[in-house]
C-alpha atoms as a PDB file:
ATOM      1  CA  MET A   1      12.505   8.657 -24.489  1.00  0.00           C
ATOM      2  CA  PHE A   2      13.906  12.192 -24.017  1.00  0.00           C
ATOM      3  CA  ALA A   3      14.225  14.857 -26.529  1.00  0.00           C
ATOM      4  CA  ALA A   4      16.305  17.780 -26.529  1.00  0.00           C
ATOM      5  CA  ASN A   5      14.338  21.134 -25.835  1.00  0.00           C
ATOM      6  CA  ASN A   6      15.603  24.345 -27.061  1.00  0.00           C
ATOM      7  CA  GLY A   7      13.450  26.304 -24.540  1.00  0.00           C
ATOM      8  CA  ILE A   8      14.376  28.994 -22.111  1.00  0.00           C
ATOM      9  CA  ASP A   9      17.585  27.366 -20.690  1.00  0.00           C
ATOM     10  CA  GLY A  10      18.277  25.013 -23.543  1.00  0.00           C
ATOM     11  CA  ASN A  11      18.980  22.151 -21.049  1.00  0.00           C
ATOM     12  CA  MET A  12      15.459  21.114 -20.276  1.00  0.00           C
ATOM     13  CA  ARG A  13      14.745  17.653 -21.620  1.00  0.00           C
ATOM     14  CA  LYS A  14      11.222  16.359 -22.090  1.00  0.00           C
ATOM     15  CA  LEU A  15       9.784  12.790 -22.504  1.00  0.00           C
ATOM     16  CA  THR A  16       8.564  11.900 -26.012  1.00  0.00           C
ATOM     17  CA  ASN A  17       5.844   9.439 -27.172  1.00  0.00           C
ATOM     18  CA  LEU A  18       3.833   9.432 -23.972  1.00  0.00           C
ATOM     19  CA  LYS A  19       1.334   6.862 -25.171  1.00  0.00           C
ATOM     20  CA  GLU A  20       4.308   4.416 -26.073  1.00  0.00           C
ATOM     21  CA  GLY A  21       5.531   5.049 -22.567  1.00  0.00           C
ATOM     22  CA  ALA A  22       2.020   4.278 -21.107  1.00  0.00           C
ATOM     23  CA  LYS A  23       1.841   1.082 -23.239  1.00  0.00           C
ATOM     24  CA  ILE A  24       4.977  -0.035 -21.724  1.00  0.00           C
ATOM     25  CA  CYS A  25       3.739   0.652 -18.267  1.00  0.00           C
ATOM     26  CA  LEU A  26       0.593  -1.289 -19.017  1.00  0.00           C
ATOM     27  CA  SER A  27       2.777  -4.385 -20.233  1.00  0.00           C
ATOM     28  CA  ASN A  28       5.111  -4.198 -17.218  1.00  0.00           C
ATOM     29  CA  SER A  29       2.082  -3.811 -14.831  1.00  0.00           C
ATOM     30  CA  GLN A  30       0.576  -7.026 -16.253  1.00  0.00           C
ATOM     31  CA  ARG A  31       3.846  -8.840 -15.842  1.00  0.00           C
ATOM     32  CA  LEU A  32       4.068  -7.860 -12.275  1.00  0.00           C
ATOM     33  CA  LEU A  33       0.545  -8.754 -11.660  1.00  0.00           C
ATOM     34  CA  ASP A  34       0.780 -12.110 -13.269  1.00  0.00           C
ATOM     35  CA  ASP A  35       3.983 -12.831 -11.263  1.00  0.00           C
ATOM     36  CA  SER A  36       2.156 -11.770  -8.071  1.00  0.00           C
ATOM     37  CA  LYS A  37      -0.732 -14.100  -9.020  1.00  0.00           C
ATOM     38  CA  ALA A  38       1.836 -17.125  -9.486  1.00  0.00           C
ATOM     39  CA  LEU A  39       3.223 -16.239  -6.091  1.00  0.00           C
ATOM     40  CA  PHE A  40      -0.224 -16.205  -4.547  1.00  0.00           C
ATOM     41  CA  TYR A  41      -1.054 -19.626  -5.765  1.00  0.00           C
ATOM     42  CA  GLY A  42       2.156 -20.782  -4.477  1.00  0.00           C
ATOM     43  CA  ASN A  43       1.206 -19.309  -0.993  1.00  0.00           C
ATOM     44  CA  SER A  44       4.099 -16.933  -1.076  1.00  0.00           C
ATOM     45  CA  TYR A  45       1.653 -14.102   0.238  1.00  0.00           C
ATOM     46  CA  LEU A  46       4.397 -11.579   1.306  1.00  0.00           C
ATOM     47  CA  THR A  47       6.233 -11.501  -2.036  1.00  0.00           C
ATOM     48  CA  CYS A  48       2.860 -11.467  -3.803  1.00  0.00           C
ATOM     49  CA  PHE A  49       1.671  -8.487  -1.776  1.00  0.00           C
ATOM     50  CA  TYR A  50       4.920  -6.689  -2.587  1.00  0.00           C
ATOM     51  CA  LEU A  51       4.704  -7.406  -6.510  1.00  0.00           C
ATOM     52  CA  ALA A  52       1.082  -6.294  -6.430  1.00  0.00           C
ATOM     53  CA  GLN A  53       1.874  -3.109  -4.927  1.00  0.00           C
ATOM     54  CA  ILE A  54       4.771  -2.533  -7.400  1.00  0.00           C
ATOM     55  CA  CYS A  55       2.129  -3.333 -10.127  1.00  0.00           C
ATOM     56  CA  LEU A  56      -0.009  -0.389  -8.714  1.00  0.00           C
ATOM     57  CA  GLU A  57       2.932   1.915  -8.736  1.00  0.00           C
ATOM     58  CA  GLU A  58       3.688   1.198 -12.366  1.00  0.00           C
ATOM     59  CA  LEU A  59       0.110   1.751 -13.066  1.00  0.00           C
ATOM     60  CA  ALA A  60       0.295   5.314 -11.434  1.00  0.00           C
ATOM     61  CA  LYS A  61       3.108   6.132 -13.793  1.00  0.00           C
ATOM     62  CA  GLY A  62       1.172   5.092 -16.673  1.00  0.00           C
ATOM     63  CA  PHE A  63      -1.889   6.985 -15.721  1.00  0.00           C
ATOM     64  CA  LYS A  64       0.329  10.139 -15.379  1.00  0.00           C
ATOM     65  CA  LEU A  65       1.714   9.556 -18.713  1.00  0.00           C
ATOM     66  CA  ILE A  66      -1.913   9.299 -20.137  1.00  0.00           C
ATOM     67  CA  GLU A  67      -3.121  12.398 -18.195  1.00  0.00           C
ATOM     68  CA  LYS A  68      -0.294  14.373 -19.857  1.00  0.00           C
ATOM     69  CA  GLU A  69      -0.847  13.099 -23.268  1.00  0.00           C
ATOM     70  CA  LYS A  70      -4.533  13.824 -23.330  1.00  0.00           C
ATOM     71  CA  LYS A  71      -3.980  17.313 -22.115  1.00  0.00           C
ATOM     72  CA  ARG A  72      -1.120  17.626 -24.734  1.00  0.00           C
ATOM     73  CA  GLU A  73       1.205  18.783 -22.130  1.00  0.00           C
ATOM     74  CA  SER A  74       4.849  18.174 -21.909  1.00  0.00           C
ATOM     75  CA  PHE A  75       6.415  15.919 -19.419  1.00  0.00           C
ATOM     76  CA  THR A  76       9.924  17.153 -18.311  1.00  0.00           C
ATOM     77  CA  GLU A  77      12.710  15.209 -17.079  1.00  0.00           C
ATOM     78  CA  GLU A  78      12.283  16.865 -13.552  1.00  0.00           C
ATOM     79  CA  GLU A  79       8.692  15.825 -13.427  1.00  0.00           C
ATOM     80  CA  TRP A  80       9.492  12.500 -14.408  1.00  0.00           C
ATOM     81  CA  ASP A  81      12.236  12.099 -11.555  1.00  0.00           C
ATOM     82  CA  LYS A  82       9.586  13.324  -9.011  1.00  0.00           C
ATOM     83  CA  ILE A  83       7.341  10.447  -9.898  1.00  0.00           C
ATOM     84  CA  THR A  84      10.210   7.673 -10.398  1.00  0.00           C
ATOM     85  CA  ARG A  85      12.939   8.705  -7.846  1.00  0.00           C
ATOM     86  CA  GLY A  86      13.381   9.319  -4.075  1.00  0.00           C
ATOM     87  CA  LYS A  87      10.197   8.958  -2.143  1.00  0.00           C
ATOM     88  CA  ALA A  88       8.010   8.498  -5.074  1.00  0.00           C
ATOM     89  CA  HIS A  89       6.530   5.186  -3.856  1.00  0.00           C
ATOM     90  CA  LYS A  90       4.124   7.070  -1.582  1.00  0.00           C
ATOM     91  CA  ARG A  91       3.444   9.741  -3.986  1.00  0.00           C
ATOM     92  CA  LYS A  92       2.594   7.243  -6.747  1.00  0.00           C
ATOM     93  CA  LEU A  93       0.124   5.503  -4.427  1.00  0.00           C
ATOM     94  CA  GLU A  94      -1.531   8.676  -3.439  1.00  0.00           C
ATOM     95  CA  TYR A  95      -1.941   9.621  -7.010  1.00  0.00           C
ATOM     96  CA  LEU A  96      -3.326   6.340  -7.953  1.00  0.00           C
ATOM     97  CA  GLN A  97      -6.087   7.009  -5.088  1.00  0.00           C
ATOM     98  CA  GLU A  98      -6.915  10.267  -6.864  1.00  0.00           C
ATOM     99  CA  ILE A  99      -7.255   8.300 -10.149  1.00  0.00           C
ATOM    100  CA  GLU A 100      -9.685   5.779  -8.335  1.00  0.00           C
ATOM    101  CA  ASP A 101     -11.794   8.708  -6.925  1.00  0.00           C
ATOM    102  CA  LYS A 102     -12.104  10.334 -10.322  1.00  0.00           C
ATOM    103  CA  TRP A 103     -12.999   6.861 -11.970  1.00  0.00           C
ATOM    104  CA  GLU A 104     -15.767   6.157  -9.348  1.00  0.00           C
ATOM    105  CA  GLU A 105     -17.239   9.575 -10.112  1.00  0.00           C
ATOM    106  CA  GLU A 106     -17.065   8.989 -13.908  1.00  0.00           C
ATOM    107  CA  CYS A 107     -18.534   5.546 -13.452  1.00  0.00           C
ATOM    108  CA  MET A 108     -21.349   6.611 -11.036  1.00  0.00           C
ATOM    109  CA  GLY A 109     -22.164  10.076 -12.713  1.00  0.00           C
ATOM    110  CA  SER A 110     -25.205  11.743 -11.271  1.00  0.00           C
ATOM    111  CA  GLU A 111     -25.918   8.575  -9.331  1.00  0.00           C
ATOM    112  CA  VAL A 112     -23.240   9.200  -6.521  1.00  0.00           C
ATOM    113  CA  LEU A 113     -24.933   8.424  -3.258  1.00  0.00           C
ATOM    114  CA  TRP A 114     -21.778   9.237  -1.190  1.00  0.00           C
ATOM    115  CA  ASP A 115     -18.597  11.379  -1.536  1.00  0.00           C
ATOM    116  CA  THR A 116     -16.099   9.304  -3.308  1.00  0.00           C
ATOM    117  CA  ASN A 117     -13.189  11.741  -2.747  1.00  0.00           C
ATOM    118  CA  THR A 118     -10.663  10.564  -0.275  1.00  0.00           C
ATOM    119  CA  PRO A 119      -9.388  13.370   2.053  1.00  0.00           C
ATOM    120  CA  GLN A 120      -5.649  14.068   0.971  1.00  0.00           C
ATOM    121  CA  GLU A 121      -4.635  13.295   4.680  1.00  0.00           C
ATOM    122  CA  ASP A 122      -6.340   9.924   4.231  1.00  0.00           C
ATOM    123  CA  LYS A 123      -4.585   9.263   1.039  1.00  0.00           C
ATOM    124  CA  GLU A 124      -1.361  10.137   2.527  1.00  0.00           C
ATOM    125  CA  LYS A 125      -1.928   7.698   5.515  1.00  0.00           C
ATOM    126  CA  GLN A 126      -3.032   4.933   3.219  1.00  0.00           C
ATOM    127  CA  ALA A 127      -0.096   5.381   0.961  1.00  0.00           C
ATOM    128  CA  LYS A 128       2.306   5.363   3.878  1.00  0.00           C
ATOM    129  CA  SER A 129       0.764   2.319   5.565  1.00  0.00           C
ATOM    130  CA  LEU A 130       0.946   0.331   2.281  1.00  0.00           C
ATOM    131  CA  TYR A 131       4.339   1.326   1.682  1.00  0.00           C
ATOM    132  CA  ASN A 132       5.531   0.388   5.167  1.00  0.00           C
ATOM    133  CA  TRP A 133       3.621  -3.001   5.010  1.00  0.00           C
ATOM    134  CA  ARG A 134       5.368  -3.601   1.676  1.00  0.00           C
ATOM    135  CA  MET A 135       8.861  -2.832   3.254  1.00  0.00           C
ATOM    136  CA  ASP A 136       8.230  -5.375   6.014  1.00  0.00           C
ATOM    137  CA  SER A 137       7.017  -7.916   3.606  1.00  0.00           C
ATOM    138  CA  LEU A 138      10.473  -7.643   1.686  1.00  0.00           C
ATOM    139  CA  TYR A 139      13.087  -6.802   4.273  1.00  0.00           C
ATOM    140  CA  VAL A 140      14.139  -7.902   7.651  1.00  0.00           C
ATOM    141  CA  ASN A 141      13.307  -5.018  10.145  1.00  0.00           C
ATOM    142  CA  TYR A 142      12.776  -4.338  13.904  1.00  0.00           C
ATOM    143  CA  ASP A 143       9.552  -3.528  15.463  1.00  0.00           C
ATOM    144  CA  PHE A 144      10.563  -1.132  18.206  1.00  0.00           C
ATOM    145  CA  ASP A 145       7.084  -1.017  19.841  1.00  0.00           C
ATOM    146  CA  ARG A 146       6.888  -4.784  20.230  1.00  0.00           C
ATOM    147  CA  CYS A 147      10.759  -5.302  20.788  1.00  0.00           C
ATOM    148  CA  LYS A 148      10.719  -7.780  18.007  1.00  0.00           C
ATOM    149  CA  TRP A 149      12.588  -8.740  14.792  1.00  0.00           C
ATOM    150  CA  ILE A 150      10.414  -8.819  11.732  1.00  0.00           C
ATOM    151  CA  ASN A 151      11.412 -11.726   9.687  1.00  0.00           C
ATOM    152  CA  PRO A 152       9.633 -11.773   6.317  1.00  0.00           C
ATOM    153  CA  LEU A 153      10.155 -15.620   5.948  1.00  0.00           C
ATOM    154  CA  VAL A 154       8.447 -16.730   9.121  1.00  0.00           C
ATOM    155  CA  ASN A 155       6.383 -13.599  10.519  1.00  0.00           C
ATOM    156  CA  PRO A 156       4.111 -12.386   7.564  1.00  0.00           C
ATOM    157  CA  VAL A 157       3.043  -9.429   9.653  1.00  0.00           C
ATOM    158  CA  PHE A 158       3.369  -5.691   9.745  1.00  0.00           C
ATOM    159  CA  ARG A 159       2.662  -4.150  13.029  1.00  0.00           C
ATOM    160  CA  GLY A 160       0.713  -7.253  14.174  1.00  0.00           C
ATOM    161  CA  THR A 161      -1.474  -7.491  10.919  1.00  0.00           C
ATOM    162  CA  PRO A 162      -1.002 -10.606   9.077  1.00  0.00           C
ATOM    163  CA  VAL A 163      -0.429 -10.590   5.310  1.00  0.00           C
ATOM    164  CA  TYR A 164      -2.291 -13.579   4.121  1.00  0.00           C
ATOM    165  CA  HIS A 165      -4.814 -14.751   1.557  1.00  0.00           C
ATOM    166  CA  THR A 166      -7.369 -11.781   2.048  1.00  0.00           C
ATOM    167  CA  GLU A 167      -4.831  -8.887   1.730  1.00  0.00           C
ATOM    168  CA  CYS A 168      -3.397 -10.342  -1.291  1.00  0.00           C
ATOM    169  CA  VAL A 169      -6.828 -10.994  -3.013  1.00  0.00           C
ATOM    170  CA  THR A 170      -7.826  -7.362  -2.299  1.00  0.00           C
ATOM    171  CA  LEU A 171      -4.597  -5.985  -3.791  1.00  0.00           C
ATOM    172  CA  ILE A 172      -4.702  -8.326  -6.938  1.00  0.00           C
ATOM    173  CA  SER A 173      -8.284  -7.496  -7.367  1.00  0.00           C
ATOM    174  CA  ARG A 174      -7.621  -3.763  -7.278  1.00  0.00           C
ATOM    175  CA  ALA A 175      -4.740  -4.073  -9.612  1.00  0.00           C
ATOM    176  CA  THR A 176      -6.767  -6.150 -12.081  1.00  0.00           C
ATOM    177  CA  THR A 177      -9.500  -3.597 -12.123  1.00  0.00           C
ATOM    178  CA  LEU A 178      -7.107  -0.725 -12.504  1.00  0.00           C
ATOM    179  CA  LEU A 179      -5.277  -2.495 -15.386  1.00  0.00           C
ATOM    180  CA  GLN A 180      -8.547  -2.750 -17.247  1.00  0.00           C
ATOM    181  CA  VAL A 181      -9.222   0.920 -16.829  1.00  0.00           C
ATOM    182  CA  PHE A 182      -5.920   1.911 -17.882  1.00  0.00           C
ATOM    183  CA  ALA A 183      -5.926  -0.301 -20.982  1.00  0.00           C
ATOM    184  CA  ALA A 184      -9.396   1.343 -21.954  1.00  0.00           C
ATOM    185  CA  LYS A 185      -7.819   4.924 -21.209  1.00  0.00           C
ATOM    186  CA  ILE A 186      -4.743   4.140 -23.444  1.00  0.00           C
ATOM    187  CA  ASN A 187      -7.219   3.191 -26.325  1.00  0.00           C
ATOM    188  CA  GLU A 188      -8.921   6.541 -25.870  1.00  0.00           C
ATOM    189  CA  ILE A 189      -5.774   8.326 -26.971  1.00  0.00           C
ATOM    190  CA  PRO A 190      -5.621   8.791 -30.877  1.00  0.00           C
END
């Protein structure tokens, strides 16, 4: 997926065929969402929630690939690492919120009745909260505020908020909608 670039330093590598990468992200996102739905119907809400969120993160990578492809911009290895390594989970969720804000504006056009742009501070808080919630749905942790262990097998909560049917339905619905938008965006690329 990388090609050598004989640019300034001769060592910078770039991703090639971004549309192909976007299609792979779409397929993988669909797989993660399907698995999430299966867990939902099996009442395994915590793992369902986790996989639905991972689906959203995969979609964020795909949207980034499409954005670069449409602008005919290159995508360096360093840029790719920023959205796939380290603390990229929160960055991907923030970026996805930006995509949703733009999409709402596109759909509403001149009919916008309210400001659909989520302030950056709110995007960061939402991304951090969703990330933390996900972590507690997957790993044993300790809630220092409540002096209590978080056991994802028996305590489906994050800081007192349960992860049940409603939270999973909301996340699955969001992922389903974004998958449809993403598939349409891929088809717009020649």
